[in-house]
């Protein structure tokens, strides 16, 4: 499997939260249990791995639907190490590339159509150098429209070109690319900060129940 350490920061959030008061892995995971609601998770010693298949929008871990949590002790201090994966951030990072490709394809198509229309226009200009024949009495009796003058033909062709330019405009694709890129930048900064704050609030808040701290006997 190739290493993606240079780009995996796009969809991953890693960090360490110091546990105060210190907690055992079992105690820390018990406090985190409400965050893992509707998630399939597995505990292996000091490591918890979870997957949220369809998280709700109000879920605090909705952005990071997969991850690994590990409680370790370093220098006499208990810490939570987390490594989280976000499909949403990955999608927001790839979407601008898709819309930029659509915009480029639109530009190429417009240029090809413009070149074809220019050739057709040149051919028509050569044919229409002479003024159109007058509207004869037979055509008038049959209700046929009078032939267009040179000015009318030029005006009609200009209107058609304006309509086609609006139809094949790359502007909407550029707008969507910019929106998704801005959304990715905001989410890449905000979401890791929010999940770190959530872990600190859940793990470093004294429990309302009489949960004994490690190394301290429970009150009788």
Protein backbone atom coordinates (compact mmCIF):
# COMPACT_ATOMS: atom_id res chain seq x y z
CA UNK A 1 0.00 0.00 0.00
CA UNK A 2 1.59 3.33 -1.01
CA UNK A 3 2.37 5.86 1.66
CA UNK A 4 0.33 9.05 1.44
CA UNK A 5 1.94 10.94 4.30
CA UNK A 6 2.39 14.04 2.13
CA UNK A 7 -1.30 14.41 1.31
CA UNK A 8 -3.20 12.46 3.98
CA UNK A 9 -3.42 15.65 6.06
CA UNK A 10 -6.25 16.57 3.71
CA UNK A 11 -8.64 14.02 5.20
CA UNK A 12 -6.98 13.06 8.51
CA UNK A 13 -6.84 14.73 11.90
CA UNK A 14 -4.25 13.60 14.43
CA UNK A 15 -3.58 14.92 17.89
CA UNK A 16 -3.00 14.30 21.58
CA UNK A 17 -5.20 15.30 24.51
CA UNK A 18 -3.76 15.21 28.02
CA UNK A 19 -6.12 13.56 30.50
CA UNK A 20 -6.65 15.55 33.68
CA UNK A 21 -7.43 13.76 35.93
CA UNK A 22 -5.50 10.71 34.58
CA UNK A 23 -7.71 7.87 33.38
CA UNK A 24 -7.29 4.25 32.48
CA UNK A 25 -8.24 3.16 28.96
CA UNK A 26 -11.43 1.57 30.28
CA UNK A 27 -12.42 4.75 32.11
CA UNK A 28 -11.63 6.98 29.12
CA UNK A 29 -13.52 4.80 26.68
CA UNK A 30 -16.49 4.69 29.04
CA UNK A 31 -16.60 8.50 29.01
CA UNK A 32 -16.37 8.50 25.21
CA UNK A 33 -19.16 5.96 24.81
CA UNK A 34 -21.92 8.60 24.17
CA UNK A 35 -19.89 9.96 21.26
CA UNK A 36 -19.77 6.49 19.71
CA UNK A 37 -23.53 6.07 19.65
CA UNK A 38 -24.70 4.24 16.50
CA UNK A 39 -21.09 3.37 15.67
CA UNK A 40 -19.52 -0.02 15.36
CA UNK A 41 -16.38 -0.03 17.50
CA UNK A 42 -13.83 -2.50 18.81
CA UNK A 43 -11.59 -2.21 21.86
CA UNK A 44 -8.22 -3.94 21.91
CA UNK A 45 -6.47 -3.19 25.19
CA UNK A 46 -5.67 0.52 25.15
CA UNK A 47 -6.90 1.11 21.57
CA UNK A 48 -10.42 1.75 20.30
CA UNK A 49 -11.32 1.65 16.61
CA UNK A 50 -14.70 2.93 15.42
CA UNK A 51 -16.67 3.31 12.19
CA UNK A 52 -19.82 5.39 11.72
CA UNK A 53 -21.63 4.26 8.57
CA UNK A 54 -24.36 6.91 8.48
CA UNK A 55 -23.81 9.54 11.20
CA UNK A 56 -26.50 12.08 11.93
CA UNK A 57 -25.85 15.73 11.11
CA UNK A 58 -25.84 16.70 14.80
CA UNK A 59 -23.34 13.96 15.67
CA UNK A 60 -20.16 15.53 17.05
CA UNK A 61 -18.12 12.94 15.17
CA UNK A 62 -20.14 13.19 11.95
CA UNK A 63 -17.25 14.75 10.03
CA UNK A 64 -14.76 12.13 11.22
CA UNK A 65 -16.72 8.94 10.64
CA UNK A 66 -13.72 6.61 11.13
CA UNK A 67 -10.88 6.71 13.57
CA UNK A 68 -8.58 5.18 16.15
CA UNK A 69 -8.34 6.29 19.79
CA UNK A 70 -5.50 5.16 22.07
CA UNK A 71 -4.90 5.90 25.73
CA UNK A 72 -1.18 5.91 26.58
CA UNK A 73 0.94 6.93 29.55
CA UNK A 74 3.96 9.12 28.89
CA UNK A 75 6.09 10.63 31.65
CA UNK A 76 3.55 9.75 34.29
CA UNK A 77 0.76 11.52 32.36
CA UNK A 78 -2.18 9.79 30.71
CA UNK A 79 -2.91 10.97 27.17
CA UNK A 80 -5.41 10.23 24.45
CA UNK A 81 -3.94 9.88 20.98
CA UNK A 82 -6.42 10.07 18.13
CA UNK A 83 -6.13 9.45 14.41
CA UNK A 84 -9.36 10.31 12.59
CA UNK A 85 -10.47 10.01 8.98
CA UNK A 86 -12.98 12.33 7.25
CA UNK A 87 -14.60 11.33 3.92
CA UNK A 88 -16.38 14.72 3.95
CA UNK A 89 -13.10 16.67 3.88
CA UNK A 90 -11.76 14.39 1.15
CA UNK A 91 -14.88 15.04 -0.93
CA UNK A 92 -14.60 18.81 -0.45
CA UNK A 93 -10.94 18.63 -1.52
CA UNK A 94 -11.67 16.63 -4.69
CA UNK A 95 -14.80 18.51 -5.76
CA UNK A 96 -12.94 21.68 -6.91
CA UNK A 97 -10.74 19.54 -9.19
CA UNK A 98 -13.82 18.00 -10.75
CA UNK A 99 -15.48 21.37 -11.39
CA UNK A 100 -12.23 22.84 -12.77
CA UNK A 101 -12.06 19.93 -15.21
CA UNK A 102 -15.68 20.63 -16.23
CA UNK A 103 -14.85 24.32 -16.72
CA UNK A 104 -11.83 23.47 -18.88
CA UNK A 105 -13.89 21.05 -20.97
CA UNK A 106 -16.53 23.74 -21.43
CA UNK A 107 -13.90 26.20 -22.64
CA UNK A 108 -12.53 23.68 -25.14
CA UNK A 109 -16.01 22.87 -26.46
CA UNK A 110 -16.83 26.57 -26.81
CA UNK A 111 -13.62 27.20 -28.74
CA UNK A 112 -14.32 24.30 -31.11
CA UNK A 113 -17.89 25.47 -31.71
CA UNK A 114 -16.72 29.04 -32.20
CA UNK A 115 -14.19 27.93 -34.82
CA UNK A 116 -16.86 25.92 -36.65
CA UNK A 117 -19.29 28.84 -36.55
CA UNK A 118 -16.62 31.20 -37.85
CA UNK A 119 -16.02 28.96 -40.84
CA UNK A 120 -19.75 28.69 -41.51
CA UNK A 121 -20.13 32.46 -41.14
CA UNK A 122 -17.32 33.10 -43.61
CA UNK A 123 -18.97 30.76 -46.09
CA UNK A 124 -22.32 32.50 -45.66
CA UNK A 125 -20.69 35.93 -46.04
CA UNK A 126 -19.25 34.84 -49.38
CA UNK A 127 -22.68 33.67 -50.54
CA UNK A 128 -24.45 36.77 -49.22
CA UNK A 129 -22.21 39.40 -50.80
CA UNK A 130 -25.01 40.26 -53.14
CA UNK A 131 -28.24 41.81 -51.90
CA UNK A 132 -31.12 39.32 -51.60
CA UNK A 133 -33.62 39.11 -54.41
CA UNK A 134 -36.84 41.10 -53.91
CA UNK A 135 -39.87 39.37 -52.50
CA UNK A 136 -41.89 38.30 -55.53
CA UNK A 137 -45.68 38.37 -55.73
CA UNK A 138 -46.02 34.56 -55.61
CA UNK A 139 -44.15 34.34 -52.30
CA UNK A 140 -46.28 37.18 -50.96
CA UNK A 141 -49.50 35.36 -51.89
CA UNK A 142 -48.24 32.14 -50.27
CA UNK A 143 -47.37 34.02 -47.07
CA UNK A 144 -43.66 33.32 -47.23
CA UNK A 145 -41.52 35.69 -45.17
CA UNK A 146 -39.42 38.19 -47.11
CA UNK A 147 -35.71 37.37 -47.51
CA UNK A 148 -33.38 38.72 -44.83
CA UNK A 149 -31.14 41.63 -45.59
CA UNK A 150 -27.42 41.49 -44.83
CA UNK A 151 -27.89 43.52 -41.65
CA UNK A 152 -30.68 41.23 -40.44
CA UNK A 153 -28.54 38.14 -41.04
CA UNK A 154 -25.60 39.61 -39.14
CA UNK A 155 -27.86 40.58 -36.24
CA UNK A 156 -29.39 37.08 -36.14
CA UNK A 157 -25.95 35.45 -36.10
CA UNK A 158 -24.77 37.74 -33.30
CA UNK A 159 -27.83 36.83 -31.20
CA UNK A 160 -27.17 33.12 -31.77
CA UNK A 161 -23.55 33.53 -30.68
CA UNK A 162 -24.62 35.31 -27.48
CA UNK A 163 -27.10 32.53 -26.67
CA UNK A 164 -24.47 29.83 -27.24
CA UNK A 165 -21.91 31.66 -25.11
CA UNK A 166 -24.39 31.70 -22.22
CA UNK A 167 -25.17 28.01 -22.70
CA UNK A 168 -21.50 26.92 -22.65
CA UNK A 169 -20.22 29.36 -20.04
CA UNK A 170 -17.58 27.93 -17.61
CA UNK A 171 -18.55 30.48 -14.95
CA UNK A 172 -20.91 28.17 -12.95
CA UNK A 173 -18.20 25.50 -12.76
CA UNK A 174 -15.66 28.04 -11.49
CA UNK A 175 -18.17 29.26 -8.89
CA UNK A 176 -18.82 25.75 -7.57
CA UNK A 177 -15.08 25.01 -7.50
CA UNK A 178 -14.50 28.14 -5.41
CA UNK A 179 -17.35 27.30 -3.03
CA UNK A 180 -16.10 23.77 -2.37
CA UNK A 181 -12.53 24.98 -1.94
CA UNK A 182 -13.64 27.59 0.60
CA UNK A 183 -15.73 24.94 2.37
CA UNK A 184 -12.69 22.66 2.54
CA UNK A 185 -10.46 25.39 4.00
CA UNK A 186 -13.00 26.26 6.69
CA UNK A 187 -13.66 22.62 7.53
CA UNK A 188 -9.97 21.68 7.59
CA UNK A 189 -9.30 24.30 10.25
CA UNK A 190 -12.57 24.25 12.19
CA UNK A 191 -13.42 20.54 12.39
CA UNK A 192 -10.12 19.31 13.96
CA UNK A 193 -10.37 22.11 16.51
CA UNK A 194 -13.95 21.17 17.36
CA UNK A 195 -13.20 17.45 17.76
CA UNK A 196 -10.19 18.20 19.98
CA UNK A 197 -12.32 20.48 22.15
CA UNK A 198 -14.99 17.77 22.34
CA UNK A 199 -12.49 15.16 23.57
CA UNK A 200 -11.14 17.55 26.19
CA UNK A 201 -14.61 18.44 27.45
CA UNK A 202 -15.71 14.82 27.68
CA UNK A 203 -12.53 13.40 29.24
CA UNK A 204 -11.40 16.26 31.48
CA UNK A 205 -14.75 17.05 33.09
CA UNK A 206 -15.44 15.59 36.52
CA UNK A 207 -18.17 12.98 36.36
CA UNK A 208 -21.40 13.75 38.15
CA UNK A 209 -21.44 10.25 39.61
CA UNK A 210 -19.01 9.04 42.23
CA UNK A 211 -16.55 7.57 39.72
CA UNK A 212 -13.26 6.92 41.54
CA UNK A 213 -10.09 8.31 40.01
CA UNK A 214 -7.25 5.89 39.32
CA UNK A 215 -5.23 5.33 42.49
CA UNK A 216 -7.93 6.73 44.80
CA UNK A 217 -10.34 4.46 46.70
CA UNK A 218 -14.02 4.97 46.13
CA UNK A 219 -15.95 6.79 48.84
CA UNK A 220 -18.21 4.61 51.00
